[in-house]
Amino acid sequence: MDIVKVDGNNKDFKLMCESLENFQFDMIPILKEKDYSLTDDLSEVTGFVLYDKNKPIGSVGLKKISDDSCEIVRVFVLSEYRGNGYAGMLFEKIENLARETGFKKAEMVAWVAAKSALKLYERLGYQKTEEKISEWFGGSKYVELYKDL
């Protein structure tokens, strides 16, 4: 397995974003109806792609919020590779990059329906806020998460 640093315009990073998007469409169908997109506005994202040989199998990115805070975005590992610690490897890389960049806090947003992802984020030390409801996405529930770096 190789983890490669990329920018948001990298074709494999975009491919992983599309895979994440399709995964979320299956989980919350109204997202597709509302033209929800995870490939728009990736120009300010820096991240990593995880490869099995030459095949991209996972991604994670970060985006600056302020001088002290960043948002962790586009976290995804293909389903057939889950449960092997790869997401943890990606988080280690992205959190190290965030610290090296000078960020003190990482933030995320996740759908409540993504139960296994939420368990992972909490296991990695992320604290979640109360559930919120997205009126735009048909009442779908989400949480914000944060971690001091």
C-alpha atoms as a PDB file:
ATOM      1  CA  MET A   1       0.000   0.000   0.000  1.00  0.00           C
ATOM      2  CA  ASP A   2       1.198   3.478  -0.876  1.00  0.00           C
ATOM      3  CA  ILE A   3      -0.183   6.807   0.302  1.00  0.00           C
ATOM      4  CA  VAL A   4       0.484   9.728  -2.038  1.00  0.00           C
ATOM      5  CA  LYS A   5       0.001  13.427  -1.267  1.00  0.00           C
ATOM      6  CA  VAL A   6      -2.172  15.125  -3.900  1.00  0.00           C
ATOM      7  CA  ASP A   7      -4.132  18.292  -4.540  1.00  0.00           C
ATOM      8  CA  GLY A   8      -7.880  18.410  -5.044  1.00  0.00           C
ATOM      9  CA  ASN A   9      -7.550  18.347  -8.827  1.00  0.00           C
ATOM     10  CA  ASN A  10      -5.787  14.967  -8.877  1.00  0.00           C
ATOM     11  CA  LYS A  11      -7.758  12.519 -11.053  1.00  0.00           C
ATOM     12  CA  ASP A  12      -7.555   9.676  -8.526  1.00  0.00           C
ATOM     13  CA  PHE A  13      -8.633  11.960  -5.677  1.00  0.00           C
ATOM     14  CA  LYS A  14     -11.639  13.007  -7.781  1.00  0.00           C
ATOM     15  CA  LEU A  15     -12.363   9.353  -8.562  1.00  0.00           C
ATOM     16  CA  MET A  16     -12.461   8.581  -4.827  1.00  0.00           C
ATOM     17  CA  CYS A  17     -14.747  11.600  -4.288  1.00  0.00           C
ATOM     18  CA  GLU A  18     -17.103  10.211  -6.935  1.00  0.00           C
ATOM     19  CA  SER A  19     -17.061   6.817  -5.201  1.00  0.00           C
ATOM     20  CA  LEU A  20     -17.866   8.508  -1.883  1.00  0.00           C
ATOM     21  CA  GLU A  21     -20.634  10.455  -3.558  1.00  0.00           C
ATOM     22  CA  ASN A  22     -22.216   7.250  -4.928  1.00  0.00           C
ATOM     23  CA  PHE A  23     -21.904   5.592  -1.512  1.00  0.00           C
ATOM     24  CA  GLN A  24     -23.721   8.540   0.050  1.00  0.00           C
ATOM     25  CA  PHE A  25     -26.405   8.508  -2.672  1.00  0.00           C
ATOM     26  CA  ASP A  26     -27.159   4.893  -1.756  1.00  0.00           C
ATOM     27  CA  MET A  27     -27.297   5.786   1.944  1.00  0.00           C
ATOM     28  CA  ILE A  28     -29.332   9.015   1.546  1.00  0.00           C
ATOM     29  CA  PRO A  29     -31.106   9.020  -1.860  1.00  0.00           C
ATOM     30  CA  ILE A  30     -32.344  12.621  -1.601  1.00  0.00           C
ATOM     31  CA  LEU A  31     -28.745  13.807  -1.982  1.00  0.00           C
ATOM     32  CA  LYS A  32     -28.801  12.769  -5.628  1.00  0.00           C
ATOM     33  CA  GLU A  33     -32.120  14.478  -6.204  1.00  0.00           C
ATOM     34  CA  LYS A  34     -30.668  17.743  -4.862  1.00  0.00           C
ATOM     35  CA  ASP A  35     -27.555  17.654  -7.112  1.00  0.00           C
ATOM     36  CA  TYR A  36     -25.289  17.145  -4.102  1.00  0.00           C
ATOM     37  CA  SER A  37     -21.687  17.036  -5.331  1.00  0.00           C
ATOM     38  CA  LEU A  38     -18.418  16.110  -3.671  1.00  0.00           C
ATOM     39  CA  THR A  39     -16.348  16.956  -6.740  1.00  0.00           C
ATOM     40  CA  ASP A  40     -17.206  20.656  -6.916  1.00  0.00           C
ATOM     41  CA  ASP A  41     -14.800  23.142  -5.390  1.00  0.00           C
ATOM     42  CA  LEU A  42     -11.798  20.910  -4.704  1.00  0.00           C
ATOM     43  CA  SER A  43      -9.294  23.617  -5.687  1.00  0.00           C
ATOM     44  CA  GLU A  44      -8.447  24.473  -2.067  1.00  0.00           C
ATOM     45  CA  VAL A  45      -8.173  20.848  -0.908  1.00  0.00           C
ATOM     46  CA  THR A  46      -4.891  19.088  -0.196  1.00  0.00           C
ATOM     47  CA  GLY A  47      -5.042  15.419   0.571  1.00  0.00           C
ATOM     48  CA  PHE A  48      -3.874  11.878   0.179  1.00  0.00           C
ATOM     49  CA  VAL A  49      -4.836   8.943  -1.992  1.00  0.00           C
ATOM     50  CA  LEU A  50      -4.241   5.383  -0.800  1.00  0.00           C
ATOM     51  CA  TYR A  51      -3.212   2.901  -3.490  1.00  0.00           C
ATOM     52  CA  ASP A  52      -3.193  -0.877  -3.672  1.00  0.00           C
ATOM     53  CA  LYS A  53      -0.554  -1.253  -6.382  1.00  0.00           C
ATOM     54  CA  ASN A  54      -1.848   1.237  -8.976  1.00  0.00           C
ATOM     55  CA  LYS A  55      -5.484   1.114  -7.892  1.00  0.00           C
ATOM     56  CA  PRO A  56      -6.794   4.056  -5.819  1.00  0.00           C
ATOM     57  CA  ILE A  57      -8.702   2.603  -2.864  1.00  0.00           C
ATOM     58  CA  GLY A  58      -9.065   5.491  -0.414  1.00  0.00           C
ATOM     59  CA  SER A  59      -8.785   9.225   0.123  1.00  0.00           C
ATOM     60  CA  VAL A  60      -8.798  12.004   2.666  1.00  0.00           C
ATOM     61  CA  GLY A  61      -8.386  15.746   2.308  1.00  0.00           C
ATOM     62  CA  LEU A  62      -8.150  18.942   4.275  1.00  0.00           C
ATOM     63  CA  LYS A  63      -9.331  22.445   3.630  1.00  0.00           C
ATOM     64  CA  LYS A  64      -8.393  25.597   5.531  1.00  0.00           C
ATOM     65  CA  ILE A  65     -11.148  27.155   7.626  1.00  0.00           C
ATOM     66  CA  SER A  66      -9.024  29.728   9.461  1.00  0.00           C
ATOM     67  CA  ASP A  67      -5.395  30.164  10.481  1.00  0.00           C
ATOM     68  CA  ASP A  68      -5.931  27.693  13.332  1.00  0.00           C
ATOM     69  CA  SER A  69      -8.598  25.343  11.957  1.00  0.00           C
ATOM     70  CA  CYS A  70      -9.034  22.998   9.036  1.00  0.00           C
ATOM     71  CA  GLU A  71     -11.841  20.783   7.815  1.00  0.00           C
ATOM     72  CA  ILE A  72     -11.181  17.093   7.125  1.00  0.00           C
ATOM     73  CA  VAL A  73     -13.026  16.214   3.919  1.00  0.00           C
ATOM     74  CA  ARG A  74     -13.627  13.410   1.429  1.00  0.00           C
ATOM     75  CA  VAL A  75     -12.797  10.530   3.771  1.00  0.00           C
ATOM     76  CA  PHE A  76     -13.407   7.288   1.911  1.00  0.00           C
ATOM     77  CA  VAL A  77     -12.123   3.714   1.598  1.00  0.00           C
ATOM     78  CA  LEU A  78     -13.603   1.300  -0.944  1.00  0.00           C
ATOM     79  CA  SER A  79     -15.918  -1.179   0.782  1.00  0.00           C
ATOM     80  CA  GLU A  80     -13.833  -4.250  -0.058  1.00  0.00           C
ATOM     81  CA  TYR A  81     -10.829  -2.689   1.742  1.00  0.00           C
ATOM     82  CA  ARG A  82     -12.603  -1.573   4.927  1.00  0.00           C
ATOM     83  CA  GLY A  83     -11.771  -3.082   8.292  1.00  0.00           C
ATOM     84  CA  ASN A  84      -8.024  -3.245   7.639  1.00  0.00           C
ATOM     85  CA  GLY A  85      -6.935   0.004   9.311  1.00  0.00           C
ATOM     86  CA  TYR A  86      -6.570   1.969   6.078  1.00  0.00           C
ATOM     87  CA  ALA A  87      -8.800   4.846   7.187  1.00  0.00           C
ATOM     88  CA  GLY A  88      -6.685   5.169  10.326  1.00  0.00           C
ATOM     89  CA  MET A  89      -3.560   5.350   8.153  1.00  0.00           C
ATOM     90  CA  LEU A  90      -5.138   8.112   6.077  1.00  0.00           C
ATOM     91  CA  PHE A  91      -6.146  10.039   9.204  1.00  0.00           C
ATOM     92  CA  GLU A  92      -2.616   9.784  10.588  1.00  0.00           C
ATOM     93  CA  LYS A  93      -1.288  11.321   7.362  1.00  0.00           C
ATOM     94  CA  ILE A  94      -3.845  14.109   7.143  1.00  0.00           C
ATOM     95  CA  GLU A  95      -3.605  15.037  10.832  1.00  0.00           C
ATOM     96  CA  ASN A  96       0.191  15.175  10.599  1.00  0.00           C
ATOM     97  CA  LEU A  97      -0.100  17.432   7.546  1.00  0.00           C
ATOM     98  CA  ALA A  98      -2.580  19.626   9.412  1.00  0.00           C
ATOM     99  CA  ARG A  99      -0.179  19.990  12.355  1.00  0.00           C
ATOM    100  CA  GLU A 100       2.777  20.700  10.037  1.00  0.00           C
ATOM    101  CA  THR A 101       0.677  23.381   8.338  1.00  0.00           C
ATOM    102  CA  GLY A 102       0.038  25.000  11.724  1.00  0.00           C
ATOM    103  CA  PHE A 103      -3.569  24.014  12.324  1.00  0.00           C
ATOM    104  CA  LYS A 104      -4.567  23.482  15.961  1.00  0.00           C
ATOM    105  CA  LYS A 105      -8.055  22.090  15.383  1.00  0.00           C
ATOM    106  CA  ALA A 106      -9.623  19.725  12.843  1.00  0.00           C
ATOM    107  CA  GLU A 107     -13.344  19.782  12.093  1.00  0.00           C
ATOM    108  CA  MET A 108     -15.601  17.467  10.090  1.00  0.00           C
ATOM    109  CA  VAL A 109     -19.233  16.997   9.124  1.00  0.00           C
ATOM    110  CA  ALA A 110     -20.750  13.521   8.824  1.00  0.00           C
ATOM    111  CA  TRP A 111     -24.163  12.076   8.107  1.00  0.00           C
ATOM    112  CA  VAL A 112     -25.708  10.303  11.104  1.00  0.00           C
ATOM    113  CA  ALA A 113     -26.623   7.447   8.746  1.00  0.00           C
ATOM    114  CA  ALA A 114     -22.889   6.723   8.318  1.00  0.00           C
ATOM    115  CA  LYS A 115     -22.766   4.830  11.625  1.00  0.00           C
ATOM    116  CA  SER A 116     -19.510   2.938  11.017  1.00  0.00           C
ATOM    117  CA  ALA A 117     -17.761   6.155   9.942  1.00  0.00           C
ATOM    118  CA  LEU A 118     -18.957   7.937  13.086  1.00  0.00           C
ATOM    119  CA  LYS A 119     -17.623   5.096  15.241  1.00  0.00           C
ATOM    120  CA  LEU A 120     -14.256   5.402  13.495  1.00  0.00           C
ATOM    121  CA  TYR A 121     -14.103   9.170  13.982  1.00  0.00           C
ATOM    122  CA  GLU A 122     -14.907   8.850  17.672  1.00  0.00           C
ATOM    123  CA  ARG A 123     -12.309   6.088  18.076  1.00  0.00           C
ATOM    124  CA  LEU A 124      -9.783   8.484  16.504  1.00  0.00           C
ATOM    125  CA  GLY A 125     -10.577  11.105  19.152  1.00  0.00           C
ATOM    126  CA  TYR A 126     -13.135  13.286  17.380  1.00  0.00           C
ATOM    127  CA  GLN A 127     -15.872  14.750  19.571  1.00  0.00           C
ATOM    128  CA  LYS A 128     -19.302  15.111  18.019  1.00  0.00           C
ATOM    129  CA  THR A 129     -21.910  17.803  18.530  1.00  0.00           C
ATOM    130  CA  GLU A 130     -25.624  17.242  18.869  1.00  0.00           C
ATOM    131  CA  GLU A 131     -27.399  15.934  15.796  1.00  0.00           C
ATOM    132  CA  LYS A 132     -28.625  18.584  13.410  1.00  0.00           C
ATOM    133  CA  ILE A 133     -31.238  18.338  10.690  1.00  0.00           C
ATOM    134  CA  SER A 134     -30.614  19.435   7.119  1.00  0.00           C
ATOM    135  CA  GLU A 135     -33.860  20.900   5.813  1.00  0.00           C
ATOM    136  CA  TRP A 136     -32.339  21.164   2.333  1.00  0.00           C
ATOM    137  CA  PHE A 137     -31.638  17.432   2.256  1.00  0.00           C
ATOM    138  CA  GLY A 138     -35.084  16.261   3.340  1.00  0.00           C
ATOM    139  CA  GLY A 139     -34.469  16.253   7.068  1.00  0.00           C
ATOM    140  CA  SER A 140     -31.330  14.105   6.841  1.00  0.00           C
ATOM    141  CA  LYS A 141     -29.433  14.200  10.113  1.00  0.00           C
ATOM    142  CA  TYR A 142     -25.781  15.137  10.442  1.00  0.00           C
ATOM    143  CA  VAL A 143     -23.251  15.935  13.137  1.00  0.00           C
ATOM    144  CA  GLU A 144     -20.238  18.177  13.297  1.00  0.00           C
ATOM    145  CA  LEU A 145     -17.076  16.694  14.790  1.00  0.00           C
ATOM    146  CA  TYR A 146     -13.897  18.304  16.040  1.00  0.00           C
ATOM    147  CA  LYS A 147     -10.514  17.362  17.450  1.00  0.00           C
ATOM    148  CA  ASP A 148      -7.701  19.396  18.957  1.00  0.00           C
ATOM    149  CA  LEU A 149      -4.524  18.527  17.100  1.00  0.00           C
END
